[in-house]
Amino acid sequence: MTNASKDLWADPTGTFLALKEAEPVYSLFGLDSALPGSPPAINTPVNAPPMGYHNREGIHDLTKYDWANFIEFANSHYRKK
């Protein structure tokens, strides 16, 4: 999930907390989250599967920074072992 620091109507903190509430469901399937206990700092992505989150500086938009984080997460998640 992603947000922007000035995109307050999207509720960046609530988005992060929703991910945290989903952790027990993931753990039922043996998938441990790498999310920290509280929202990470702006521009400090957590791209470790099974759950990813970043909150970048800026307004509501879809930026090159966002895409770079989506791709990093996907590469980590779908990398063949």
C-alpha atoms as a PDB file:
ATOM      1  CA  MET A   1       0.000   0.000   0.000  1.00  0.00           C
ATOM      2  CA  THR A   2       1.119   3.532  -0.570  1.00  0.00           C
ATOM      3  CA  ASN A   3       0.265   7.078   0.387  1.00  0.00           C
ATOM      4  CA  ALA A   4       1.686  10.575   0.128  1.00  0.00           C
ATOM      5  CA  SER A   5       2.403  12.845   3.082  1.00  0.00           C
ATOM      6  CA  LYS A   6       0.099  15.618   1.831  1.00  0.00           C
ATOM      7  CA  ASP A   7      -2.630  13.209   0.730  1.00  0.00           C
ATOM      8  CA  LEU A   8      -4.412  13.390   4.076  1.00  0.00           C
ATOM      9  CA  TRP A   9      -7.853  12.435   2.748  1.00  0.00           C
ATOM     10  CA  ALA A  10      -6.350   9.011   1.983  1.00  0.00           C
ATOM     11  CA  ASP A  11      -5.378   8.685   5.674  1.00  0.00           C
ATOM     12  CA  PRO A  12      -1.769   7.438   5.535  1.00  0.00           C
ATOM     13  CA  THR A  13      -1.821   6.387   9.197  1.00  0.00           C
ATOM     14  CA  GLY A  14      -5.109   4.525   8.788  1.00  0.00           C
ATOM     15  CA  THR A  15      -3.755   2.763   5.705  1.00  0.00           C
ATOM     16  CA  PHE A  16      -0.742   1.559   7.673  1.00  0.00           C
ATOM     17  CA  LEU A  17      -2.916   0.468  10.610  1.00  0.00           C
ATOM     18  CA  ALA A  18      -5.165  -1.518   8.248  1.00  0.00           C
ATOM     19  CA  LEU A  19      -2.089  -3.433   7.072  1.00  0.00           C
ATOM     20  CA  LYS A  20      -1.072  -4.065  10.686  1.00  0.00           C
ATOM     21  CA  GLU A  21      -4.549  -5.452  11.428  1.00  0.00           C
ATOM     22  CA  ALA A  22      -4.181  -7.870   8.486  1.00  0.00           C
ATOM     23  CA  GLU A  23      -0.946  -9.381   9.860  1.00  0.00           C
ATOM     24  CA  PRO A  24      -2.724 -12.126  11.861  1.00  0.00           C
ATOM     25  CA  VAL A  25      -4.459 -13.349   8.714  1.00  0.00           C
ATOM     26  CA  TYR A  26      -1.155 -13.593   6.856  1.00  0.00           C
ATOM     27  CA  SER A  27       0.375 -15.431   9.809  1.00  0.00           C
ATOM     28  CA  LEU A  28      -2.355 -18.091   9.544  1.00  0.00           C
ATOM     29  CA  PHE A  29      -0.700 -19.024   6.258  1.00  0.00           C
ATOM     30  CA  GLY A  30       2.817 -18.913   7.686  1.00  0.00           C
ATOM     31  CA  LEU A  31       3.609 -15.522   6.190  1.00  0.00           C
ATOM     32  CA  ASP A  32       5.354 -13.168   8.605  1.00  0.00           C
ATOM     33  CA  SER A  33       5.177  -9.436   8.056  1.00  0.00           C
ATOM     34  CA  ALA A  34       8.237  -7.194   8.156  1.00  0.00           C
ATOM     35  CA  LEU A  35       6.162  -4.105   8.949  1.00  0.00           C
ATOM     36  CA  PRO A  36       7.417  -2.079  11.911  1.00  0.00           C
ATOM     37  CA  GLY A  37       5.198  -1.429  14.927  1.00  0.00           C
ATOM     38  CA  SER A  38       4.450   2.139  13.862  1.00  0.00           C
ATOM     39  CA  PRO A  39       4.324   3.879  10.487  1.00  0.00           C
ATOM     40  CA  PRO A  40       7.771   4.247   8.929  1.00  0.00           C
ATOM     41  CA  ALA A  41       9.187   7.695   8.278  1.00  0.00           C
ATOM     42  CA  ILE A  42       8.335   9.516   5.055  1.00  0.00           C
ATOM     43  CA  ASN A  43      10.277   8.073   2.085  1.00  0.00           C
ATOM     44  CA  THR A  44      11.283   4.974   4.088  1.00  0.00           C
ATOM     45  CA  PRO A  45       9.580   2.120   2.220  1.00  0.00           C
ATOM     46  CA  VAL A  46       9.023  -1.361   3.599  1.00  0.00           C
ATOM     47  CA  ASN A  47       9.201  -3.583   0.523  1.00  0.00           C
ATOM     48  CA  ALA A  48       9.560  -6.983   2.166  1.00  0.00           C
ATOM     49  CA  PRO A  49       6.797  -9.410   1.180  1.00  0.00           C
ATOM     50  CA  PRO A  50       4.187 -10.417   2.010  1.00  0.00           C
ATOM     51  CA  MET A  51       3.139  -6.846   2.874  1.00  0.00           C
ATOM     52  CA  GLY A  52       4.620  -3.594   1.634  1.00  0.00           C
ATOM     53  CA  TYR A  53       4.035   0.029   2.552  1.00  0.00           C
ATOM     54  CA  HIS A  54       5.476   3.393   1.704  1.00  0.00           C
ATOM     55  CA  ASN A  55       4.482   6.958   2.414  1.00  0.00           C
ATOM     56  CA  ARG A  56       6.330   9.388   0.188  1.00  0.00           C
ATOM     57  CA  GLU A  57       6.638  13.139   0.430  1.00  0.00           C
ATOM     58  CA  GLY A  58       4.135  14.998  -1.726  1.00  0.00           C
ATOM     59  CA  ILE A  59       0.577  15.235  -2.950  1.00  0.00           C
ATOM     60  CA  HIS A  60      -1.894  12.708  -4.345  1.00  0.00           C
ATOM     61  CA  ASP A  61      -0.171  11.381  -7.440  1.00  0.00           C
ATOM     62  CA  LEU A  62       1.484   8.292  -8.874  1.00  0.00           C
ATOM     63  CA  THR A  63       5.170   9.054  -9.270  1.00  0.00           C
ATOM     64  CA  LYS A  64       8.335   7.411 -10.526  1.00  0.00           C
ATOM     65  CA  TYR A  65       9.251   6.841  -6.855  1.00  0.00           C
ATOM     66  CA  ASP A  66       5.984   4.945  -6.307  1.00  0.00           C
ATOM     67  CA  TRP A  67       6.568   2.754  -9.364  1.00  0.00           C
ATOM     68  CA  ALA A  68      10.140   2.001  -8.290  1.00  0.00           C
ATOM     69  CA  ASN A  69       8.818   0.756  -4.938  1.00  0.00           C
ATOM     70  CA  PHE A  70       6.040  -1.294  -6.551  1.00  0.00           C
ATOM     71  CA  ILE A  71       8.584  -2.956  -8.831  1.00  0.00           C
ATOM     72  CA  GLU A  72      11.008  -3.619  -5.972  1.00  0.00           C
ATOM     73  CA  PHE A  73       8.196  -5.222  -3.954  1.00  0.00           C
ATOM     74  CA  ALA A  74       7.036  -7.333  -6.913  1.00  0.00           C
ATOM     75  CA  ASN A  75      10.580  -8.468  -7.662  1.00  0.00           C
ATOM     76  CA  SER A  76      11.026  -9.502  -4.024  1.00  0.00           C
ATOM     77  CA  HIS A  77       7.646 -11.221  -3.893  1.00  0.00           C
ATOM     78  CA  TYR A  78       7.812 -13.092  -7.183  1.00  0.00           C
ATOM     79  CA  ARG A  79      11.548 -13.803  -7.355  1.00  0.00           C
ATOM     80  CA  LYS A  80      12.092 -17.449  -8.172  1.00  0.00           C
ATOM     81  CA  LYS A  81      13.973 -19.369  -5.521  1.00  0.00           C
END
